């Protein structure tokens, strides 16, 4: 179930947080609650992705994207993700999420999100996101115009560009080997 109470908490806690530039960083603080854990008594990997979703939503509000989405009746979709899990997040542990856009290309936005327990990174995710309308993907320059931002796309970090290049070699749709029902 989507943690709507946590989303409301994020909006309340960050309601007076200032606006951010498109490449600004949003930080939020959380705790691992019993409803977040799996059978291994650690935060479930799916819940980690949901917590990151909360960070992206608040980041989108602070950079002005949510307002542009509402005004233009656009949607926002995740078009890919690569995640690294490196530390267990145990019950009742406090942690923080760090969310920021690292750049964009002619179709997609790339977001770097991480979860930190003290000075140790527990998880990190690279997301590819797209804004959509009835005709498909809305180009980022059109979105930035709606947000009032004028600026060039930054050069994507090598690790992000390498992921994009690797994803381009991945077959879609996946091969059906005949074992699926």
Foldseek 3Di string as FASTA:
>chain_A
DQPVVVLVVLCVVCVVPAADAQFDKDKDKDFAAPVQDDPVQFGDPVVVVSVVVSRVVVNCVRNVNVVLCVVVVKDKDWDDKDKDFDATRHHGQMKMKMKGWQWADQFWTWMWMFIGRVPDTGMIMIITMFIADPVGGDTPVVSCVSSVDDDDTDDGPPVVVVVVVVVVPADPPHDDPPPDD
